C-alpha cells in the first residue's frame, strides 16, 4: 500500500461538439453522454456553486 495520499483527478467541464451540451469530465477527456473525444484546450476547471446563506 502506498504511503502518500493519492489525489483523485480534477473534475473539469467542457463543451461537447456532438451533444452541444456542457458536460462534466472526470478522468479522460471524453463526453460521458456520447463518448466522443473532447479537446483539452476547451476544458475548464469545475467548481461547485456556492450555496446561498439561509436566514
N, C-alpha and C. Protein backbone atom coordinates (compact mmCIF):
# COMPACT_ATOMS: atom_id res chain seq x y z
N UNK A 1 0.85 -1.17 0.00
CA UNK A 1 0.00 0.00 0.00
C UNK A 1 0.90 1.24 0.00
N UNK A 2 0.61 2.23 -0.88
CA UNK A 2 1.45 3.41 -0.95
C UNK A 2 1.34 4.26 0.32
N UNK A 3 2.43 4.93 0.65
CA UNK A 3 2.46 5.76 1.85
C UNK A 3 1.83 7.13 1.63
N UNK A 4 1.96 7.70 0.44
CA UNK A 4 1.46 9.04 0.17
C UNK A 4 -0.05 9.05 -0.06
N UNK A 5 -0.60 10.23 -0.02
CA UNK A 5 -2.03 10.36 -0.31
C UNK A 5 -2.21 10.46 -1.81
N UNK A 6 -3.21 9.82 -2.30
CA UNK A 6 -3.50 9.81 -3.73
C UNK A 6 -4.66 10.75 -3.99
N UNK A 7 -4.41 11.79 -4.79
CA UNK A 7 -5.45 12.75 -5.13
C UNK A 7 -6.23 12.26 -6.34
N UNK A 8 -7.55 12.32 -6.30
CA UNK A 8 -8.33 11.93 -7.48
C UNK A 8 -8.14 12.95 -8.60
N UNK A 9 -8.41 12.56 -9.83
CA UNK A 9 -8.27 13.51 -10.94
C UNK A 9 -9.23 14.70 -10.75
N UNK A 10 -8.81 15.85 -11.22
CA UNK A 10 -9.63 17.04 -11.10
C UNK A 10 -10.85 16.93 -12.00
N UNK A 11 -11.96 17.45 -11.53
CA UNK A 11 -13.17 17.47 -12.34
C UNK A 11 -13.13 18.72 -13.22
N UNK A 12 -13.43 18.52 -14.51
CA UNK A 12 -13.42 19.62 -15.47
C UNK A 12 -14.72 19.61 -16.23
N UNK A 13 -15.04 20.73 -16.86
CA UNK A 13 -16.21 20.78 -17.72
C UNK A 13 -15.79 21.30 -19.08
N UNK A 14 -16.53 20.87 -20.08
CA UNK A 14 -16.21 21.27 -21.44
C UNK A 14 -17.44 21.16 -22.32
N UNK A 15 -17.32 21.69 -23.51
CA UNK A 15 -18.41 21.66 -24.48
C UNK A 15 -18.26 20.46 -25.40
N UNK A 16 -19.31 19.66 -25.53
CA UNK A 16 -19.30 18.54 -26.46
C UNK A 16 -19.82 19.03 -27.80
N UNK A 17 -19.03 18.88 -28.88
CA UNK A 17 -19.48 19.37 -30.18
C UNK A 17 -20.62 18.54 -30.78
N UNK A 18 -20.77 17.30 -30.35
CA UNK A 18 -21.82 16.44 -30.90
C UNK A 18 -23.12 16.56 -30.12
N UNK A 19 -23.03 16.56 -28.81
CA UNK A 19 -24.23 16.70 -27.97
C UNK A 19 -24.67 18.15 -27.86
N UNK A 20 -23.74 19.06 -28.12
CA UNK A 20 -23.97 20.50 -27.98
C UNK A 20 -24.43 20.85 -26.57
N UNK A 21 -23.74 20.25 -25.58
CA UNK A 21 -24.04 20.49 -24.18
C UNK A 21 -22.75 20.67 -23.42
N UNK A 22 -22.84 21.32 -22.27
CA UNK A 22 -21.72 21.40 -21.36
C UNK A 22 -21.75 20.15 -20.50
N UNK A 23 -20.64 19.41 -20.48
CA UNK A 23 -20.59 18.14 -19.76
C UNK A 23 -19.47 18.18 -18.71
N UNK A 24 -19.63 17.38 -17.68
CA UNK A 24 -18.64 17.25 -16.62
C UNK A 24 -17.76 16.05 -16.93
N UNK A 25 -16.45 16.28 -16.94
CA UNK A 25 -15.48 15.24 -17.28
C UNK A 25 -14.65 14.94 -16.04
N UNK A 26 -14.48 13.66 -15.72
CA UNK A 26 -13.78 13.28 -14.50
C UNK A 26 -12.36 12.81 -14.77
N UNK A 27 -12.17 11.82 -15.59
CA UNK A 27 -10.83 11.26 -15.79
C UNK A 27 -10.26 11.61 -17.15
N UNK A 28 -10.70 10.96 -18.18
CA UNK A 28 -10.16 11.22 -19.51
C UNK A 28 -11.09 12.18 -20.25
N UNK A 29 -10.55 12.97 -21.18
CA UNK A 29 -11.39 13.97 -21.86
C UNK A 29 -12.30 13.35 -22.91
N UNK A 30 -13.37 12.70 -22.44
CA UNK A 30 -14.38 12.12 -23.32
C UNK A 30 -15.75 12.51 -22.79
N UNK A 31 -16.69 12.71 -23.67
CA UNK A 31 -18.05 13.06 -23.29
C UNK A 31 -18.70 11.86 -22.60
N UNK A 32 -19.28 12.05 -21.41
CA UNK A 32 -19.92 10.92 -20.73
C UNK A 32 -21.25 10.52 -21.37
N UNK A 33 -21.79 11.34 -22.25
CA UNK A 33 -23.07 11.02 -22.89
C UNK A 33 -22.89 10.25 -24.19
N UNK A 34 -21.98 10.73 -25.06
CA UNK A 34 -21.82 10.07 -26.36
C UNK A 34 -20.45 9.43 -26.54
N UNK A 35 -19.54 9.60 -25.58
CA UNK A 35 -18.21 9.00 -25.57
C UNK A 35 -17.28 9.55 -26.66
N UNK A 36 -17.59 10.70 -27.22
CA UNK A 36 -16.69 11.28 -28.22
C UNK A 36 -15.53 11.99 -27.51
N UNK A 37 -14.37 12.08 -28.13
CA UNK A 37 -13.23 12.76 -27.50
C UNK A 37 -13.47 14.27 -27.47
N UNK A 38 -13.01 14.89 -26.39
CA UNK A 38 -13.13 16.34 -26.24
C UNK A 38 -11.76 16.98 -26.33
N UNK A 39 -11.71 18.21 -26.76
CA UNK A 39 -10.44 18.93 -26.89
C UNK A 39 -9.96 19.38 -25.52
N UNK A 40 -8.69 19.15 -25.22
CA UNK A 40 -8.10 19.54 -23.94
C UNK A 40 -8.11 21.05 -23.75
N UNK A 41 -7.87 21.81 -24.83
CA UNK A 41 -7.77 23.26 -24.67
C UNK A 41 -9.13 23.89 -24.38
N UNK A 42 -10.21 23.19 -24.64
CA UNK A 42 -11.54 23.71 -24.38
C UNK A 42 -12.06 23.38 -22.99
N UNK A 43 -11.28 22.65 -22.20
CA UNK A 43 -11.71 22.25 -20.87
C UNK A 43 -11.41 23.37 -19.87
N UNK A 44 -12.25 23.47 -18.85
CA UNK A 44 -12.01 24.43 -17.78
C UNK A 44 -12.29 23.76 -16.45
N UNK A 45 -11.64 24.20 -15.40
CA UNK A 45 -11.86 23.58 -14.09
C UNK A 45 -13.30 23.74 -13.64
N UNK A 46 -13.82 22.73 -12.99
CA UNK A 46 -15.19 22.76 -12.48
C UNK A 46 -15.15 23.15 -11.02
N UNK A 47 -16.00 24.06 -10.63
CA UNK A 47 -16.13 24.42 -9.23
C UNK A 47 -17.59 24.30 -8.84
N UNK A 48 -17.82 23.76 -7.66
CA UNK A 48 -19.18 23.61 -7.19
C UNK A 48 -19.76 24.99 -6.89
N UNK A 49 -21.01 25.23 -7.26
CA UNK A 49 -21.61 26.53 -6.96
C UNK A 49 -21.76 26.71 -5.45
N UNK A 50 -21.60 27.92 -5.00
CA UNK A 50 -21.73 28.21 -3.58
C UNK A 50 -23.21 28.18 -3.20
N UNK A 51 -23.47 27.62 -2.04
CA UNK A 51 -24.86 27.58 -1.56
C UNK A 51 -25.22 28.94 -0.96
N UNK A 52 -26.43 29.41 -1.23
CA UNK A 52 -26.84 30.70 -0.65
C UNK A 52 -27.01 30.58 0.86
N UNK A 53 -26.75 31.67 1.57
CA UNK A 53 -26.92 31.69 3.01
C UNK A 53 -28.42 31.61 3.35
N UNK A 54 -28.73 30.76 4.30
CA UNK A 54 -30.12 30.63 4.73
C UNK A 54 -30.32 31.43 6.01
N UNK A 55 -31.36 32.21 6.03
CA UNK A 55 -31.66 33.02 7.23
C UNK A 55 -32.57 32.30 8.16
